[in-house]
N, C-alpha and C. Protein backbone atom coordinates (compact mmCIF):
# COMPACT_ATOMS: atom_id res chain seq x y z
N UNK A 1 88.60 90.79 137.29
CA UNK A 1 88.35 89.61 136.49
C UNK A 1 86.97 89.70 135.88
N UNK A 2 86.85 89.50 134.61
CA UNK A 2 85.57 89.51 133.92
C UNK A 2 85.22 88.10 133.51
N UNK A 3 84.01 87.69 133.83
CA UNK A 3 83.54 86.37 133.44
C UNK A 3 82.47 86.54 132.39
N UNK A 4 82.66 85.93 131.26
CA UNK A 4 81.67 86.00 130.19
C UNK A 4 80.84 84.72 130.23
N UNK A 5 79.57 84.88 130.05
CA UNK A 5 78.68 83.73 130.05
C UNK A 5 78.16 83.54 128.63
N UNK A 6 78.21 82.35 128.16
CA UNK A 6 77.66 82.09 126.83
C UNK A 6 76.64 80.97 126.95
N UNK A 7 75.73 80.96 126.02
CA UNK A 7 74.75 79.89 126.01
C UNK A 7 74.50 79.47 124.56
N UNK A 8 74.10 78.25 124.42
CA UNK A 8 73.73 77.76 123.11
C UNK A 8 72.21 77.79 123.07
N UNK A 9 71.65 78.56 122.17
CA UNK A 9 70.20 78.67 122.07
C UNK A 9 69.64 77.49 121.30
N UNK A 10 68.47 77.02 121.71
CA UNK A 10 67.83 75.94 120.96
C UNK A 10 67.60 76.33 119.50
N UNK A 11 67.51 75.35 118.64
CA UNK A 11 67.28 75.60 117.22
C UNK A 11 66.07 76.51 117.04
N UNK A 12 66.22 77.49 116.17
CA UNK A 12 65.10 78.39 115.89
C UNK A 12 65.08 79.64 116.74
N UNK A 13 65.94 79.73 117.74
CA UNK A 13 65.98 80.93 118.59
C UNK A 13 67.27 81.69 118.27
N UNK A 14 67.10 82.94 117.86
CA UNK A 14 68.26 83.77 117.51
C UNK A 14 68.98 84.23 118.78
N UNK A 15 68.20 84.70 119.76
CA UNK A 15 68.79 85.10 121.04
C UNK A 15 67.70 85.09 122.10
N UNK A 16 68.14 85.06 123.34
CA UNK A 16 67.20 85.09 124.46
C UNK A 16 67.08 86.53 124.90
N UNK A 17 65.87 87.08 124.84
CA UNK A 17 65.63 88.45 125.27
C UNK A 17 65.36 88.50 126.76
N UNK A 18 65.15 89.70 127.25
CA UNK A 18 64.93 89.88 128.68
C UNK A 18 63.60 89.26 129.12
N UNK A 19 62.59 89.26 128.25
CA UNK A 19 61.30 88.68 128.57
C UNK A 19 60.95 87.47 127.71
N UNK A 20 61.40 87.49 126.48
CA UNK A 20 61.01 86.44 125.52
C UNK A 20 62.17 86.12 124.60
N UNK A 21 62.19 84.91 124.03
CA UNK A 21 63.22 84.61 123.04
C UNK A 21 62.91 85.33 121.72
N UNK A 22 63.96 85.65 120.98
CA UNK A 22 63.82 86.25 119.65
C UNK A 22 64.04 85.10 118.66
N UNK A 23 63.01 84.78 117.89
CA UNK A 23 63.06 83.63 116.98
C UNK A 23 63.71 83.97 115.65
N UNK A 24 64.24 82.93 115.01
CA UNK A 24 64.73 83.02 113.64
C UNK A 24 63.60 82.63 112.70
N UNK A 25 63.80 82.84 111.43
CA UNK A 25 62.91 82.33 110.37
C UNK A 25 61.45 82.73 110.51
N UNK A 26 61.18 83.90 111.08
CA UNK A 26 59.81 84.40 111.10
C UNK A 26 58.86 83.70 112.05
N UNK A 27 59.35 82.89 112.98
CA UNK A 27 58.46 82.25 113.95
C UNK A 27 57.86 83.34 114.85
N UNK A 28 56.68 83.09 115.38
CA UNK A 28 55.97 84.11 116.15
C UNK A 28 55.60 83.61 117.54
N UNK A 29 55.36 84.56 118.42
CA UNK A 29 54.80 84.28 119.74
C UNK A 29 53.29 84.49 119.65
N UNK A 30 52.56 83.78 120.49
CA UNK A 30 51.11 83.94 120.53
C UNK A 30 50.66 84.08 121.97
N UNK A 31 49.61 84.87 122.17
CA UNK A 31 48.98 84.96 123.47
C UNK A 31 48.19 83.69 123.74
N UNK A 32 47.76 83.52 124.97
CA UNK A 32 47.04 82.31 125.34
C UNK A 32 45.71 82.17 124.60
N UNK A 33 45.17 83.28 124.10
CA UNK A 33 43.90 83.21 123.36
C UNK A 33 44.10 82.99 121.87
N UNK A 34 45.36 82.77 121.44
CA UNK A 34 45.65 82.49 120.03
C UNK A 34 45.97 83.71 119.20
N UNK A 35 45.83 84.92 119.77
CA UNK A 35 46.17 86.14 119.03
C UNK A 35 47.69 86.27 118.96
N UNK A 36 48.19 86.59 117.77
CA UNK A 36 49.63 86.71 117.58
C UNK A 36 50.19 87.89 118.37
N UNK A 37 51.32 87.67 119.02
CA UNK A 37 52.05 88.72 119.72
C UNK A 37 52.74 89.59 118.67
N UNK A 38 52.44 90.88 118.67
CA UNK A 38 53.07 91.81 117.74
C UNK A 38 53.94 92.74 118.58
N UNK A 39 55.21 92.79 118.25
CA UNK A 39 56.16 93.58 119.03
C UNK A 39 55.90 95.08 118.89
N UNK A 40 56.12 95.79 119.98
CA UNK A 40 56.08 97.23 119.97
C UNK A 40 57.24 97.74 119.11
N UNK A 41 57.02 98.79 118.35
CA UNK A 41 58.07 99.29 117.46
C UNK A 41 59.27 99.87 118.22
N UNK A 42 59.02 100.42 119.41
CA UNK A 42 60.10 101.04 120.18
C UNK A 42 60.80 100.05 121.12
N UNK A 43 60.07 99.08 121.63
CA UNK A 43 60.65 98.13 122.57
C UNK A 43 60.21 96.73 122.16
N UNK A 44 61.09 95.99 121.52
CA UNK A 44 60.72 94.68 120.98
C UNK A 44 60.42 93.65 122.06
N UNK A 45 60.71 93.96 123.32
CA UNK A 45 60.39 93.04 124.41
C UNK A 45 58.92 93.18 124.82
N UNK A 46 58.25 94.21 124.36
CA UNK A 46 56.86 94.47 124.74
C UNK A 46 55.91 94.24 123.58
N UNK A 47 54.66 94.00 123.93
CA UNK A 47 53.62 93.86 122.92
C UNK A 47 53.14 95.24 122.49
N UNK A 48 52.78 95.36 121.24
CA UNK A 48 52.15 96.57 120.74
C UNK A 48 50.84 96.76 121.51
N UNK A 49 50.53 98.00 121.87
CA UNK A 49 49.36 98.28 122.71
C UNK A 49 48.04 97.80 122.13
N UNK A 50 47.90 97.84 120.80
CA UNK A 50 46.62 97.44 120.22
C UNK A 50 46.33 95.95 120.38
N UNK A 51 47.30 95.18 120.84
CA UNK A 51 47.10 93.74 121.01
C UNK A 51 46.98 93.34 122.48
N UNK A 52 46.99 94.33 123.33
CA UNK A 52 46.86 94.04 124.76
C UNK A 52 45.40 93.87 125.13
N UNK A 53 45.16 93.36 126.31
CA UNK A 53 43.80 93.17 126.81
C UNK A 53 43.79 91.98 127.74
N UNK A 54 42.66 91.73 128.34
CA UNK A 54 42.55 90.60 129.25
C UNK A 54 42.63 89.29 128.47
N UNK A 55 43.42 88.38 128.97
CA UNK A 55 43.61 87.08 128.34
C UNK A 55 43.14 86.00 129.32
N UNK A 56 43.02 84.78 128.82
CA UNK A 56 42.54 83.71 129.69
C UNK A 56 43.67 83.04 130.47
N UNK A 57 44.86 83.59 130.38
CA UNK A 57 46.00 83.10 131.15
C UNK A 57 46.91 84.28 131.42
N UNK A 58 47.69 84.19 132.45
CA UNK A 58 48.58 85.29 132.81
C UNK A 58 49.89 84.72 133.35
N UNK A 59 50.97 85.40 133.07
CA UNK A 59 52.26 85.07 133.67
C UNK A 59 52.54 86.15 134.70
N UNK A 60 52.76 85.75 135.92
CA UNK A 60 53.03 86.71 136.98
C UNK A 60 54.48 87.17 136.82
N UNK A 61 54.65 88.45 136.60
CA UNK A 61 55.98 89.01 136.38
C UNK A 61 56.78 88.94 137.68
N UNK A 62 58.09 88.89 137.56
CA UNK A 62 58.94 88.77 138.73
C UNK A 62 58.82 89.94 139.69
N UNK A 63 58.26 91.07 139.25
CA UNK A 63 58.14 92.18 140.18
C UNK A 63 57.08 91.89 141.25
N UNK A 64 56.23 90.91 141.00
CA UNK A 64 55.21 90.53 141.97
C UNK A 64 55.71 89.29 142.70
N UNK A 65 56.47 89.52 143.73
CA UNK A 65 57.06 88.41 144.45
C UNK A 65 57.03 88.70 145.94
N UNK A 66 57.43 87.72 146.70
CA UNK A 66 57.44 87.90 148.14
C UNK A 66 58.53 88.90 148.54
N UNK A 67 58.40 89.40 149.75
CA UNK A 67 59.39 90.34 150.28
C UNK A 67 60.79 89.71 150.28
N UNK A 68 60.90 88.44 150.68
CA UNK A 68 62.20 87.78 150.70
C UNK A 68 62.78 87.63 149.30
N UNK A 69 61.94 87.29 148.32
CA UNK A 69 62.42 87.18 146.94
C UNK A 69 62.90 88.54 146.44
N UNK A 70 62.17 89.59 146.78
CA UNK A 70 62.57 90.94 146.38
C UNK A 70 63.92 91.30 147.01
N UNK A 71 64.04 91.05 148.31
CA UNK A 71 65.30 91.34 148.99
C UNK A 71 66.45 90.57 148.36
N UNK A 72 66.22 89.31 148.04
CA UNK A 72 67.27 88.48 147.42
C UNK A 72 67.69 89.06 146.08
N UNK A 73 66.76 89.68 145.36
CA UNK A 73 67.09 90.25 144.05
C UNK A 73 67.99 91.48 144.16
N UNK A 74 68.07 92.07 145.35
CA UNK A 74 68.90 93.25 145.54
C UNK A 74 70.37 92.92 145.65
N UNK A 75 70.67 91.68 145.98
CA UNK A 75 72.07 91.24 146.02
C UNK A 75 72.44 90.78 144.62
N UNK A 76 73.30 91.52 144.00
CA UNK A 76 73.66 91.28 142.60
C UNK A 76 74.27 89.90 142.41
N UNK A 77 75.20 89.52 143.27
CA UNK A 77 75.79 88.20 143.18
C UNK A 77 76.66 87.97 141.96
N UNK A 78 77.32 89.02 141.45
CA UNK A 78 78.21 88.80 140.30
C UNK A 78 79.56 88.28 140.79
N UNK A 79 80.34 87.61 139.92
CA UNK A 79 81.59 87.00 140.35
C UNK A 79 82.61 87.98 140.92
N UNK A 80 82.60 89.25 140.45
CA UNK A 80 83.56 90.23 140.94
C UNK A 80 83.28 90.64 142.38
N UNK A 81 82.02 90.71 142.72
CA UNK A 81 81.64 91.14 144.07
C UNK A 81 80.33 90.49 144.45
N UNK A 82 80.39 89.31 145.08
CA UNK A 82 79.17 88.57 145.38
C UNK A 82 78.19 89.29 146.29
N UNK A 83 78.63 90.32 146.99
CA UNK A 83 77.72 91.04 147.88
C UNK A 83 77.40 92.44 147.38
N UNK A 84 77.59 92.69 146.09
CA UNK A 84 77.29 94.02 145.57
C UNK A 84 75.78 94.25 145.57
N UNK A 85 75.41 95.49 145.72
CA UNK A 85 74.02 95.88 145.88
C UNK A 85 73.41 96.30 144.56
N UNK A 86 72.24 95.78 144.23
CA UNK A 86 71.55 96.12 142.98
C UNK A 86 70.74 97.38 143.26
N UNK A 87 71.23 98.51 142.79
CA UNK A 87 70.61 99.79 143.16
C UNK A 87 69.58 100.28 142.15
N UNK A 88 69.37 99.54 141.05
CA UNK A 88 68.43 100.02 140.03
C UNK A 88 67.03 99.44 140.21
N UNK A 89 66.70 98.99 141.37
CA UNK A 89 65.37 98.44 141.64
C UNK A 89 64.48 99.50 142.27
N UNK A 90 63.23 99.49 141.88
CA UNK A 90 62.27 100.38 142.51
C UNK A 90 61.93 99.87 143.90
N UNK A 91 61.10 100.58 144.57
CA UNK A 91 60.68 100.18 145.91
C UNK A 91 59.86 98.90 145.85
N UNK A 92 59.88 98.16 146.94
CA UNK A 92 59.04 96.97 147.03
C UNK A 92 57.60 97.42 147.18
N UNK A 93 56.75 96.97 146.28
CA UNK A 93 55.36 97.42 146.24
C UNK A 93 54.47 96.38 146.92
N UNK A 94 53.76 96.82 147.95
CA UNK A 94 52.84 95.90 148.61
C UNK A 94 51.39 96.17 148.20
N UNK A 95 51.09 97.40 147.80
CA UNK A 95 49.75 97.77 147.35
C UNK A 95 49.89 98.76 146.19
N UNK A 96 48.88 98.77 145.32
CA UNK A 96 48.91 99.68 144.18
C UNK A 96 47.49 100.13 143.86
N UNK A 97 47.35 101.36 143.38
CA UNK A 97 46.03 101.86 142.98
C UNK A 97 45.48 101.09 141.79
N UNK A 98 46.36 100.51 140.98
CA UNK A 98 45.90 99.77 139.80
C UNK A 98 45.75 98.27 140.09
N UNK A 99 45.86 97.91 141.35
CA UNK A 99 45.76 96.50 141.74
C UNK A 99 44.40 95.93 141.37
N UNK A 100 44.42 94.72 140.87
CA UNK A 100 43.18 94.02 140.55
C UNK A 100 43.19 92.66 141.24
N UNK A 101 42.03 92.26 141.71
CA UNK A 101 41.90 90.95 142.33
C UNK A 101 41.36 89.99 141.27
N UNK A 102 42.05 88.88 141.13
CA UNK A 102 41.60 87.87 140.18
C UNK A 102 41.12 86.68 140.98
N UNK A 103 39.86 86.36 140.82
CA UNK A 103 39.30 85.20 141.52
C UNK A 103 39.43 83.98 140.62
N UNK A 104 40.01 82.94 141.18
CA UNK A 104 40.21 81.72 140.42
C UNK A 104 39.26 80.66 140.95
N UNK A 105 38.51 80.09 140.05
CA UNK A 105 37.58 79.03 140.42
C UNK A 105 38.36 77.90 141.08
N UNK A 106 37.91 77.39 142.23
CA UNK A 106 38.65 76.33 142.93
C UNK A 106 38.95 75.10 142.06
N UNK A 107 38.05 74.73 141.17
CA UNK A 107 38.31 73.57 140.32
C UNK A 107 39.41 73.88 139.31
N UNK A 108 39.45 75.12 138.81
CA UNK A 108 40.52 75.53 137.90
C UNK A 108 41.86 75.53 138.63
N UNK A 109 41.87 76.03 139.86
CA UNK A 109 43.09 76.03 140.66
C UNK A 109 43.57 74.60 140.92
N UNK A 110 42.64 73.71 141.18
CA UNK A 110 43.00 72.30 141.43
C UNK A 110 43.66 71.68 140.19
N UNK A 111 43.12 71.96 139.01
CA UNK A 111 43.70 71.45 137.76
C UNK A 111 45.09 72.04 137.56
N UNK A 112 45.23 73.36 137.76
CA UNK A 112 46.53 74.01 137.62
C UNK A 112 47.54 73.39 138.58
N UNK A 113 47.16 73.29 139.84
CA UNK A 113 48.07 72.79 140.86
C UNK A 113 48.50 71.35 140.57
N UNK A 114 47.58 70.55 140.12
CA UNK A 114 47.89 69.17 139.75
C UNK A 114 48.88 69.14 138.58
N UNK A 115 48.64 69.97 137.58
CA UNK A 115 49.53 70.06 136.43
C UNK A 115 50.92 70.55 136.82
N UNK A 116 50.96 71.52 137.73
CA UNK A 116 52.24 72.03 138.20
C UNK A 116 53.04 70.92 138.89
N UNK A 117 52.40 70.20 139.79
CA UNK A 117 53.09 69.13 140.51
C UNK A 117 53.51 68.01 139.57
N UNK A 118 52.70 67.71 138.58
CA UNK A 118 53.09 66.70 137.58
C UNK A 118 54.32 67.15 136.82
N UNK A 119 54.35 68.43 136.43
CA UNK A 119 55.49 68.99 135.71
C UNK A 119 56.76 68.88 136.56
N UNK A 120 56.66 69.27 137.82
CA UNK A 120 57.81 69.21 138.72
C UNK A 120 58.29 67.76 138.87
N UNK A 121 57.36 66.84 139.04
CA UNK A 121 57.72 65.43 139.18
C UNK A 121 58.29 64.86 137.88
N UNK A 122 57.64 65.13 136.75
CA UNK A 122 58.06 64.58 135.47
C UNK A 122 59.49 64.98 135.10
N UNK A 123 59.88 66.19 135.50
CA UNK A 123 61.22 66.67 135.15
C UNK A 123 62.18 66.66 136.34
N UNK A 124 61.79 65.96 137.40
CA UNK A 124 62.66 65.79 138.58
C UNK A 124 63.21 67.13 139.07
N UNK A 125 62.31 68.07 139.32
CA UNK A 125 62.71 69.43 139.67
C UNK A 125 62.72 69.72 141.17
N UNK A 126 62.27 68.77 141.98
CA UNK A 126 62.14 69.03 143.41
C UNK A 126 63.46 69.50 144.02
N UNK A 127 64.55 68.80 143.73
CA UNK A 127 65.84 69.17 144.31
C UNK A 127 66.31 70.53 143.80
N UNK A 128 66.12 70.82 142.51
CA UNK A 128 66.50 72.13 141.97
C UNK A 128 65.69 73.26 142.62
N UNK A 129 64.42 73.00 142.85
CA UNK A 129 63.57 74.00 143.50
C UNK A 129 64.06 74.25 144.92
N UNK A 130 64.40 73.19 145.64
CA UNK A 130 64.92 73.34 147.01
C UNK A 130 66.23 74.13 147.00
N UNK A 131 67.10 73.84 146.05
CA UNK A 131 68.38 74.57 145.94
C UNK A 131 68.12 76.04 145.66
N UNK A 132 67.19 76.31 144.76
CA UNK A 132 66.86 77.70 144.42
C UNK A 132 66.29 78.43 145.63
N UNK A 133 65.41 77.77 146.36
CA UNK A 133 64.83 78.39 147.55
C UNK A 133 65.91 78.70 148.59
N UNK A 134 66.87 77.80 148.72
CA UNK A 134 67.98 78.00 149.65
C UNK A 134 68.81 79.22 149.24
N UNK A 135 69.06 79.38 147.95
CA UNK A 135 69.82 80.53 147.44
C UNK A 135 69.05 81.82 147.72
N UNK A 136 67.74 81.79 147.50
CA UNK A 136 66.91 82.98 147.76
C UNK A 136 67.01 83.37 149.23
N UNK A 137 66.89 82.40 150.13
CA UNK A 137 66.96 82.70 151.56
C UNK A 137 68.34 83.24 151.95
N UNK A 138 69.39 82.67 151.38
CA UNK A 138 70.76 83.12 151.66
C UNK A 138 70.94 84.56 151.17
N UNK A 139 70.50 84.85 149.95
CA UNK A 139 70.64 86.19 149.39
C UNK A 139 69.78 87.21 150.14
N UNK A 140 68.60 86.79 150.56
CA UNK A 140 67.73 87.69 151.33
C UNK A 140 68.39 88.03 152.66
N UNK A 141 69.00 87.04 153.30
CA UNK A 141 69.71 87.28 154.57
C UNK A 141 70.86 88.26 154.36
N UNK A 142 71.58 88.11 153.26
CA UNK A 142 72.68 89.04 152.94
C UNK A 142 72.14 90.45 152.71
N UNK A 143 71.00 90.54 152.03
CA UNK A 143 70.39 91.86 151.78
C UNK A 143 69.94 92.50 153.08
N UNK A 144 69.34 91.71 153.96
CA UNK A 144 68.90 92.24 155.26
C UNK A 144 70.10 92.73 156.06
N UNK A 145 71.17 91.97 156.05
CA UNK A 145 72.40 92.38 156.75
C UNK A 145 72.91 93.71 156.17
N UNK A 146 72.95 93.80 154.85
CA UNK A 146 73.39 95.03 154.19
C UNK A 146 72.51 96.21 154.60
N UNK A 147 71.21 96.02 154.57
CA UNK A 147 70.29 97.10 154.94
C UNK A 147 70.47 97.53 156.38
N UNK A 148 70.63 96.57 157.28
CA UNK A 148 70.82 96.90 158.70
C UNK A 148 72.07 97.75 158.91
N UNK A 149 73.11 97.46 158.11
CA UNK A 149 74.36 98.21 158.23
C UNK A 149 74.29 99.57 157.54
N UNK A 150 73.70 99.61 156.35
CA UNK A 150 73.75 100.82 155.51
C UNK A 150 72.49 101.68 155.57
N UNK A 151 71.33 101.04 155.75
CA UNK A 151 70.05 101.77 155.75
C UNK A 151 69.15 101.22 156.85
N UNK A 152 69.53 101.43 158.11
CA UNK A 152 68.79 100.80 159.21
C UNK A 152 67.32 101.22 159.32
N UNK A 153 66.94 102.32 158.68
CA UNK A 153 65.54 102.76 158.73
C UNK A 153 64.75 102.34 157.50
N UNK A 154 65.33 101.48 156.67
CA UNK A 154 64.67 101.06 155.43
C UNK A 154 63.32 100.38 155.73
N UNK A 155 62.33 100.72 154.92
CA UNK A 155 61.01 100.08 155.06
C UNK A 155 61.08 98.59 154.78
N UNK A 156 62.10 98.15 154.05
CA UNK A 156 62.24 96.72 153.76
C UNK A 156 62.57 95.90 154.99
N UNK A 157 63.03 96.56 156.06
CA UNK A 157 63.34 95.84 157.28
C UNK A 157 62.10 95.65 158.14
N UNK A 158 61.02 96.31 157.78
CA UNK A 158 59.75 96.15 158.52
C UNK A 158 58.91 95.11 157.83
N UNK A 159 58.49 94.12 158.56
CA UNK A 159 57.68 93.06 157.96
C UNK A 159 56.22 93.40 157.96
């Protein structure tokens, strides 16, 4: 059985890309510092290298997540086989030679945290967040079970 998923994109969006929406009518993306995002010629999901650099805001990519979130991502969860294993993931990275520490001023963190909680409250997201967290824990448990059966020596089983 094949299940097709369709979505209606908001006005002005041609399609939803893997990282960013693709706009209609020449609309553009901008970095947090106001510099226009210019797509890489080979991969339109990425920025052209000459426009990269440190910005005053950052989006933490999904690859930087907790061990449980990573484990949950390994369970594909498609309708044909809800327990199928996602085998195209790299290893879970806990440390990297290119790692950088970003120090956030406590007052800036307080403003961010307050804004985050206001956003969650304003859009009544508490219950959706709890549901999502429950799904993550369920999928992580399924992944751990799979690893114990198929790869009992996996480093992912070591906390």
